């Protein structure tokens, strides 16, 4: 007996493959054109992404400094 899905239960990858394989070409093309909404990030996830952004900016500054110092 198949597992019944709740309204907000995420699809597994095998479920997604089954759905995509059952669509016709024009249905699949239309489905791919649908925009995917942004994911709502929680506090810790936002902190991680902002930390990565700051790290990247810092490393760009370090590389620029090394390039300019090496050019002298």
C-alpha atoms as a PDB file:
ATOM      1  CA  UNK A   1       0.000   0.000   0.000  1.00  0.00           C
ATOM      2  CA  UNK A   2       1.563   3.351  -1.020  1.00  0.00           C
ATOM      3  CA  UNK A   3       2.550   5.851   1.589  1.00  0.00           C
ATOM      4  CA  UNK A   4       0.047   8.719   1.842  1.00  0.00           C
ATOM      5  CA  UNK A   5       1.556  12.185   1.640  1.00  0.00           C
ATOM      6  CA  UNK A   6       0.700  15.031   3.930  1.00  0.00           C
ATOM      7  CA  UNK A   7       0.096  18.426   2.382  1.00  0.00           C
ATOM      8  CA  UNK A   8       3.521  19.933   3.191  1.00  0.00           C
ATOM      9  CA  UNK A   9       5.669  16.807   3.185  1.00  0.00           C
ATOM     10  CA  UNK A  10       8.628  17.257   0.786  1.00  0.00           C
ATOM     11  CA  UNK A  11       8.987  14.962  -2.204  1.00  0.00           C
ATOM     12  CA  UNK A  12      11.832  12.483  -2.267  1.00  0.00           C
ATOM     13  CA  UNK A  13      14.131  12.358  -5.274  1.00  0.00           C
ATOM     14  CA  UNK A  14      12.487   9.136  -6.482  1.00  0.00           C
ATOM     15  CA  UNK A  15       9.072  10.838  -6.269  1.00  0.00           C
ATOM     16  CA  UNK A  16      10.373  13.794  -8.264  1.00  0.00           C
ATOM     17  CA  UNK A  17      11.824  11.489 -10.932  1.00  0.00           C
ATOM     18  CA  UNK A  18       8.485   9.663 -11.197  1.00  0.00           C
ATOM     19  CA  UNK A  19       6.583  12.937 -11.639  1.00  0.00           C
ATOM     20  CA  UNK A  20       9.040  14.300 -14.219  1.00  0.00           C
ATOM     21  CA  UNK A  21       9.098  11.060 -16.203  1.00  0.00           C
ATOM     22  CA  UNK A  22       5.293  11.035 -16.435  1.00  0.00           C
ATOM     23  CA  UNK A  23       5.059  14.549 -17.935  1.00  0.00           C
ATOM     24  CA  UNK A  24       4.874  15.155 -21.660  1.00  0.00           C
ATOM     25  CA  UNK A  25       7.482  17.411 -23.297  1.00  0.00           C
ATOM     26  CA  UNK A  26       5.380  20.577 -23.297  1.00  0.00           C
ATOM     27  CA  UNK A  27       4.260  19.932 -19.720  1.00  0.00           C
ATOM     28  CA  UNK A  28       7.872  19.456 -18.637  1.00  0.00           C
ATOM     29  CA  UNK A  29       8.943  22.651 -20.422  1.00  0.00           C
ATOM     30  CA  UNK A  30       6.118  24.576 -18.742  1.00  0.00           C
ATOM     31  CA  UNK A  31       7.033  23.114 -15.350  1.00  0.00           C
ATOM     32  CA  UNK A  32      10.662  24.180 -15.771  1.00  0.00           C
ATOM     33  CA  UNK A  33       9.592  27.767 -16.539  1.00  0.00           C
ATOM     34  CA  UNK A  34       7.859  28.115 -13.165  1.00  0.00           C
ATOM     35  CA  UNK A  35       9.973  30.297 -10.844  1.00  0.00           C
ATOM     36  CA  UNK A  36      11.186  28.704  -7.641  1.00  0.00           C
ATOM     37  CA  UNK A  37      10.576  30.939  -4.602  1.00  0.00           C
ATOM     38  CA  UNK A  38      13.457  31.891  -2.350  1.00  0.00           C
ATOM     39  CA  UNK A  39      13.950  29.776   0.702  1.00  0.00           C
ATOM     40  CA  UNK A  40      13.340  31.451   4.051  1.00  0.00           C
ATOM     41  CA  UNK A  41      16.592  31.239   5.988  1.00  0.00           C
ATOM     42  CA  UNK A  42      16.756  30.880   9.746  1.00  0.00           C
ATOM     43  CA  UNK A  43      19.035  32.940  11.976  1.00  0.00           C
ATOM     44  CA  UNK A  44      21.981  30.522  12.019  1.00  0.00           C
ATOM     45  CA  UNK A  45      21.819  30.030   8.243  1.00  0.00           C
ATOM     46  CA  UNK A  46      21.849  33.798   7.706  1.00  0.00           C
ATOM     47  CA  UNK A  47      24.849  34.056  10.039  1.00  0.00           C
ATOM     48  CA  UNK A  48      26.737  31.409   8.055  1.00  0.00           C
ATOM     49  CA  UNK A  49      26.054  33.102   4.701  1.00  0.00           C
ATOM     50  CA  UNK A  50      27.008  36.564   6.006  1.00  0.00           C
ATOM     51  CA  UNK A  51      30.200  35.081   7.493  1.00  0.00           C
ATOM     52  CA  UNK A  52      31.055  33.569   4.100  1.00  0.00           C
ATOM     53  CA  UNK A  53      30.421  36.907   2.359  1.00  0.00           C
ATOM     54  CA  UNK A  54      32.710  38.728   4.800  1.00  0.00           C
ATOM     55  CA  UNK A  55      35.376  36.024   4.394  1.00  0.00           C
ATOM     56  CA  UNK A  56      35.245  36.328   0.590  1.00  0.00           C
ATOM     57  CA  UNK A  57      35.589  40.125   0.774  1.00  0.00           C
ATOM     58  CA  UNK A  58      38.517  39.769   3.178  1.00  0.00           C
ATOM     59  CA  UNK A  59      40.246  37.248   0.918  1.00  0.00           C
ATOM     60  CA  UNK A  60      39.742  39.512  -2.127  1.00  0.00           C
ATOM     61  CA  UNK A  61      41.445  42.307  -0.179  1.00  0.00           C
ATOM     62  CA  UNK A  62      44.339  39.985   0.768  1.00  0.00           C
ATOM     63  CA  UNK A  63      44.820  38.853  -2.836  1.00  0.00           C
ATOM     64  CA  UNK A  64      44.716  42.424  -4.139  1.00  0.00           C
ATOM     65  CA  UNK A  65      47.273  43.451  -1.532  1.00  0.00           C
ATOM     66  CA  UNK A  66      49.578  40.558  -2.492  1.00  0.00           C
ATOM     67  CA  UNK A  67      49.261  41.392  -6.189  1.00  0.00           C
ATOM     68  CA  UNK A  68      50.008  45.065  -5.608  1.00  0.00           C
ATOM     69  CA  UNK A  69      52.880  44.297  -3.218  1.00  0.00           C
ATOM     70  CA  UNK A  70      54.347  41.826  -5.702  1.00  0.00           C
ATOM     71  CA  UNK A  71      54.139  44.359  -8.543  1.00  0.00           C
ATOM     72  CA  UNK A  72      56.468  46.778  -6.738  1.00  0.00           C
END
